[in-house]
Amino acid sequence: MQAGRPVVEVVHLGLVSYQDALRLQQVYVNRHRSGPAHALLLCQHLPVYTTGIRHKPYPANLLDRLQLLGADVHRTNRGGLITFHGPGQLVCYPVLNLSSFKKSVRWYVCELEKTIISLCSRFGIKASTSPHTGVWVEDKKICAIGIHCGRYVTSHGLALNCNTDLSWFSYIVPCGIEGKGVTSMSAELRRDVSVEETIPHLLDAFRAQFNCQLVDGQTPEPVEDSG
């Protein structure tokens, strides 16, 4: 291993509920209390709409309507507004101590965006940033980004549409941005692009962008709900 490069453990969670992913993120956040313990949690979620902390809370009556569609609804402490997570979407939760990288949240979000732009370019998709957070293909969002950072330890992260059922987005204004659409890797390439096909490219792009070493981690045991 090359000295000086942060070591990041890659953990494959598979298909998990959003609530379980929140609990597992907290487990990995807590590990940083005794020193750097960087991790990259990769998963897909069962259908869920999540809202962030930006601006006023999303109206409760609208959230109730979304639940009738068969999706869960969760309020979170990440940045950003409402979005959808579901099967076919590659969700990546980096739990990093930015002290090992650069102590700047703005820098961190930009690096996440650059990681996805690099990934897309490997597939021949021309993606870019915009005044709005996330990664876009023209005026359609292909990857949502919403993070939380406490004492320079990050949680939440990004959600890249691979072969997601995009119809779920039609019931909301994704990320609160009017007049914009959503897209996926599969829609852009007009072929099926699975999460499994995409993961190695995400890891390569992340490794290069964050100048880190990636090591395989063990899938943790399910976290029991203490509530």
Protein backbone atom coordinates (compact mmCIF):
# COMPACT_ATOMS: atom_id res chain seq x y z
CA MET A 1 0.00 0.00 0.00
CA GLN A 2 1.13 3.50 -0.71
CA ALA A 3 1.84 5.57 2.38
CA GLY A 4 -0.08 8.77 2.92
CA ARG A 5 -3.23 7.80 1.07
CA PRO A 6 -6.33 7.38 3.26
CA VAL A 7 -7.66 3.84 3.43
CA VAL A 8 -11.41 3.53 2.78
CA GLU A 9 -13.31 0.33 3.53
CA VAL A 10 -15.88 -0.63 0.87
CA VAL A 11 -18.98 -2.25 2.34
CA HIS A 12 -21.65 -3.83 0.11
CA LEU A 13 -25.01 -3.72 1.89
CA GLY A 14 -27.16 -4.99 -0.97
CA LEU A 15 -30.88 -4.14 -1.00
CA VAL A 16 -31.74 -2.59 2.37
CA SER A 17 -34.46 -0.40 3.81
CA TYR A 18 -33.68 3.27 4.21
CA GLN A 19 -34.13 3.01 7.97
CA ASP A 20 -31.60 0.18 8.25
CA ALA A 21 -29.13 2.19 6.16
CA LEU A 22 -29.51 5.16 8.52
CA ARG A 23 -28.72 2.96 11.51
CA LEU A 24 -25.71 1.42 9.80
CA GLN A 25 -24.38 4.83 8.82
CA GLN A 26 -24.50 5.85 12.48
CA VAL A 27 -22.51 2.74 13.40
CA TYR A 28 -19.80 3.78 10.94
CA VAL A 29 -19.95 7.45 12.03
CA ASN A 30 -19.38 6.32 15.64
CA ARG A 31 -16.27 4.38 14.63
CA HIS A 32 -14.55 7.69 13.89
CA ARG A 33 -14.61 8.57 17.60
CA SER A 34 -11.51 6.46 18.12
CA GLY A 35 -9.69 7.63 15.00
CA PRO A 36 -10.13 7.68 11.21
CA ALA A 37 -12.27 4.76 10.05
CA HIS A 38 -13.29 5.73 6.55
CA ALA A 39 -15.98 3.65 4.84
CA LEU A 40 -17.94 3.64 1.61
CA LEU A 41 -21.35 2.03 2.06
CA LEU A 42 -22.94 0.84 -1.20
CA CYS A 43 -26.55 -0.24 -1.43
CA GLN A 44 -29.93 -0.09 -3.11
CA HIS A 45 -33.09 0.86 -1.27
CA LEU A 46 -36.63 -0.36 -1.21
CA PRO A 47 -38.88 2.42 -2.61
CA VAL A 48 -38.68 5.47 -0.34
CA TYR A 49 -39.11 9.22 -0.58
CA THR A 50 -36.74 11.21 1.64
CA THR A 51 -36.80 14.89 2.56
CA GLY A 52 -33.89 17.02 3.71
CA ILE A 53 -33.51 19.96 6.08
CA ARG A 54 -33.31 22.78 3.57
CA HIS A 55 -36.06 25.40 3.80
CA LYS A 56 -39.42 24.60 5.38
CA PRO A 57 -40.58 21.00 6.01
CA TYR A 58 -42.34 19.19 3.19
CA PRO A 59 -46.14 19.35 3.75
CA ALA A 60 -47.36 16.37 5.77
CA ASN A 61 -50.45 15.85 3.60
CA LEU A 62 -48.26 15.45 0.50
CA LEU A 63 -46.04 12.94 2.30
CA ASP A 64 -49.15 10.97 3.22
CA ARG A 65 -50.13 10.80 -0.46
CA LEU A 66 -46.71 9.44 -1.37
CA GLN A 67 -47.08 6.61 1.13
CA LEU A 68 -50.24 5.54 -0.65
CA LEU A 69 -48.07 4.77 -3.70
CA GLY A 70 -46.42 1.97 -1.74
CA ALA A 71 -43.22 3.78 -0.78
CA ASP A 72 -41.87 4.65 2.65
CA VAL A 73 -41.36 8.31 3.56
CA HIS A 74 -38.57 9.59 5.82
CA ARG A 75 -37.46 13.00 7.02
CA THR A 76 -33.66 13.15 7.26
CA ASN A 77 -30.88 15.44 8.49
CA ARG A 78 -29.14 15.65 5.13
CA GLY A 79 -29.08 18.75 2.98
CA GLY A 80 -31.47 19.22 0.07
CA LEU A 81 -35.17 18.73 -0.45
CA ILE A 82 -37.25 15.73 -1.49
CA THR A 83 -36.01 12.88 -3.66
CA PHE A 84 -36.72 9.20 -4.37
CA HIS A 85 -34.61 6.09 -3.75
CA GLY A 86 -35.46 2.66 -5.09
CA PRO A 87 -34.17 -0.49 -6.77
CA GLY A 88 -31.96 0.16 -9.75
CA GLN A 89 -30.38 3.18 -8.10
CA LEU A 90 -26.80 2.97 -6.85
CA VAL A 91 -26.72 4.66 -3.45
CA CYS A 92 -23.32 5.50 -2.00
CA TYR A 93 -22.84 6.69 1.58
CA PRO A 94 -19.23 7.81 2.18
CA VAL A 95 -18.54 7.98 5.93
CA LEU A 96 -15.28 9.92 5.88
CA ASN A 97 -13.41 12.15 8.29
CA LEU A 98 -12.56 15.10 6.06
CA SER A 99 -9.55 15.83 8.28
CA SER A 100 -7.83 13.04 6.31
CA PHE A 101 -8.73 14.70 3.00
CA LYS A 102 -9.59 18.42 3.07
CA LYS A 103 -11.62 20.09 5.81
CA SER A 104 -14.09 21.70 3.45
CA VAL A 105 -17.69 20.63 2.89
CA ARG A 106 -17.85 22.60 -0.34
CA TRP A 107 -14.75 20.79 -1.61
CA TYR A 108 -16.24 17.45 -0.60
CA VAL A 109 -19.51 17.97 -2.48
CA CYS A 110 -17.59 19.10 -5.56
CA GLU A 111 -15.44 15.96 -5.41
CA LEU A 112 -18.55 13.78 -5.26
CA GLU A 113 -19.91 15.55 -8.32
CA LYS A 114 -16.59 15.13 -10.17
CA THR A 115 -16.58 11.43 -9.25
CA ILE A 116 -19.95 10.88 -10.91
CA ILE A 117 -19.03 13.00 -13.94
CA SER A 118 -15.93 10.81 -14.35
CA LEU A 119 -18.02 7.66 -13.99
CA CYS A 120 -20.48 8.84 -16.61
CA SER A 121 -17.67 9.66 -19.02
CA ARG A 122 -16.48 6.06 -18.78
CA PHE A 123 -19.85 5.05 -20.20
CA GLY A 124 -19.78 7.74 -22.88
CA ILE A 125 -22.32 9.95 -21.10
CA LYS A 126 -21.55 13.67 -21.04
CA ALA A 127 -22.59 14.83 -17.58
CA SER A 128 -21.95 18.12 -15.82
CA THR A 129 -22.73 20.24 -12.79
CA SER A 130 -25.18 23.12 -12.69
CA PRO A 131 -26.04 25.88 -10.19
CA HIS A 132 -28.05 23.14 -8.45
CA THR A 133 -26.27 20.41 -6.48
CA GLY A 134 -25.98 17.05 -8.19
CA VAL A 135 -24.94 15.78 -11.60
CA TRP A 136 -26.92 16.48 -14.73
CA VAL A 137 -27.22 15.38 -18.35
CA GLU A 138 -28.39 18.60 -19.99
CA ASP A 139 -31.46 19.58 -17.92
CA LYS A 140 -32.09 16.13 -16.41
CA LYS A 141 -30.61 15.01 -13.11
CA ILE A 142 -28.87 11.65 -13.22
CA CYS A 143 -27.41 11.76 -9.71
CA ALA A 144 -28.73 13.42 -6.56
CA ILE A 145 -26.36 14.50 -3.80
CA GLY A 146 -27.33 15.34 -0.25
CA ILE A 147 -24.90 15.12 2.65
CA HIS A 148 -24.62 15.63 6.38
CA CYS A 149 -21.35 16.61 8.04
CA GLY A 150 -20.76 16.78 11.78
CA ARG A 151 -17.28 17.48 13.18
CA TYR A 152 -15.99 16.86 9.65
CA VAL A 153 -17.40 13.30 9.57
CA THR A 154 -19.67 12.82 6.57
CA SER A 155 -22.81 10.77 6.14
CA HIS A 156 -25.59 10.42 3.57
CA GLY A 157 -24.18 10.90 0.08
CA LEU A 158 -25.25 10.29 -3.50
CA ALA A 159 -27.81 8.34 -5.50
CA LEU A 160 -27.07 7.50 -9.13
CA ASN A 161 -29.92 6.34 -11.36
CA CYS A 162 -28.77 3.20 -13.18
CA ASN A 163 -31.88 1.31 -14.28
CA THR A 164 -34.27 2.95 -11.82
CA ASP A 165 -38.00 3.10 -12.56
CA LEU A 166 -38.14 6.84 -13.20
CA SER A 167 -41.94 6.99 -12.94
CA TRP A 168 -41.56 7.28 -9.15
CA PHE A 169 -40.15 10.78 -9.67
CA SER A 170 -43.29 11.96 -11.46
CA TYR A 171 -45.12 12.31 -8.14
CA ILE A 172 -42.70 14.90 -6.73
CA VAL A 173 -40.65 17.90 -7.78
CA PRO A 174 -37.24 16.22 -7.41
CA CYS A 175 -35.00 18.21 -5.07
CA GLY A 176 -37.51 21.05 -5.26
CA ILE A 177 -36.29 22.21 -8.67
CA GLU A 178 -39.10 23.21 -11.01
CA GLY A 179 -38.90 22.63 -14.75
CA LYS A 180 -36.17 19.99 -14.65
CA GLY A 181 -36.32 16.28 -15.31
CA VAL A 182 -34.59 13.10 -14.25
CA THR A 183 -32.74 10.51 -16.25
CA SER A 184 -30.73 7.32 -15.76
CA MET A 185 -27.71 5.55 -17.17
CA SER A 186 -30.05 3.13 -18.95
CA ALA A 187 -32.21 5.91 -20.42
CA GLU A 188 -29.18 7.77 -21.76
CA LEU A 189 -27.51 4.69 -23.26
CA ARG A 190 -30.77 3.04 -24.39
CA ARG A 191 -29.73 -0.25 -22.87
CA ASP A 192 -30.01 -1.81 -19.44
CA VAL A 193 -27.24 -0.60 -17.12
CA SER A 194 -27.45 -2.35 -13.78
CA VAL A 195 -26.14 -1.27 -10.40
CA GLU A 196 -23.80 -4.27 -10.47
CA GLU A 197 -22.27 -3.14 -13.76
CA THR A 198 -21.83 0.39 -12.46
CA ILE A 199 -20.23 -0.28 -9.07
CA PRO A 200 -16.67 -1.07 -10.30
CA HIS A 201 -16.63 2.17 -12.30
CA LEU A 202 -17.83 4.14 -9.28
CA LEU A 203 -15.07 2.66 -7.14
CA ASP A 204 -12.40 3.43 -9.75
CA ALA A 205 -13.62 7.00 -10.11
CA PHE A 206 -13.88 7.51 -6.34
CA ARG A 207 -10.38 6.10 -5.77
CA ALA A 208 -8.90 8.45 -8.34
CA GLN A 209 -10.87 11.55 -7.32
CA PHE A 210 -10.23 11.21 -3.58
CA ASN A 211 -6.67 9.86 -3.97
CA CYS A 212 -7.37 7.02 -1.56
CA GLN A 213 -6.92 3.28 -1.21
CA LEU A 214 -10.00 1.08 -1.24
CA VAL A 215 -10.14 -2.18 0.69
CA ASP A 216 -12.92 -4.74 0.93
CA GLY A 217 -14.91 -4.59 4.13
CA GLN A 218 -17.18 -7.12 5.77
CA THR A 219 -20.94 -6.71 5.50
CA PRO A 220 -22.07 -5.81 9.02
CA GLU A 221 -24.69 -7.67 10.98
CA PRO A 222 -28.22 -6.18 10.85
CA VAL A 223 -28.67 -3.37 13.36
CA GLU A 224 -31.49 -3.98 15.78
CA ASP A 225 -34.01 -1.21 16.33
CA SER A 226 -33.79 -0.17 19.97
CA GLY A 227 -36.95 1.93 19.75
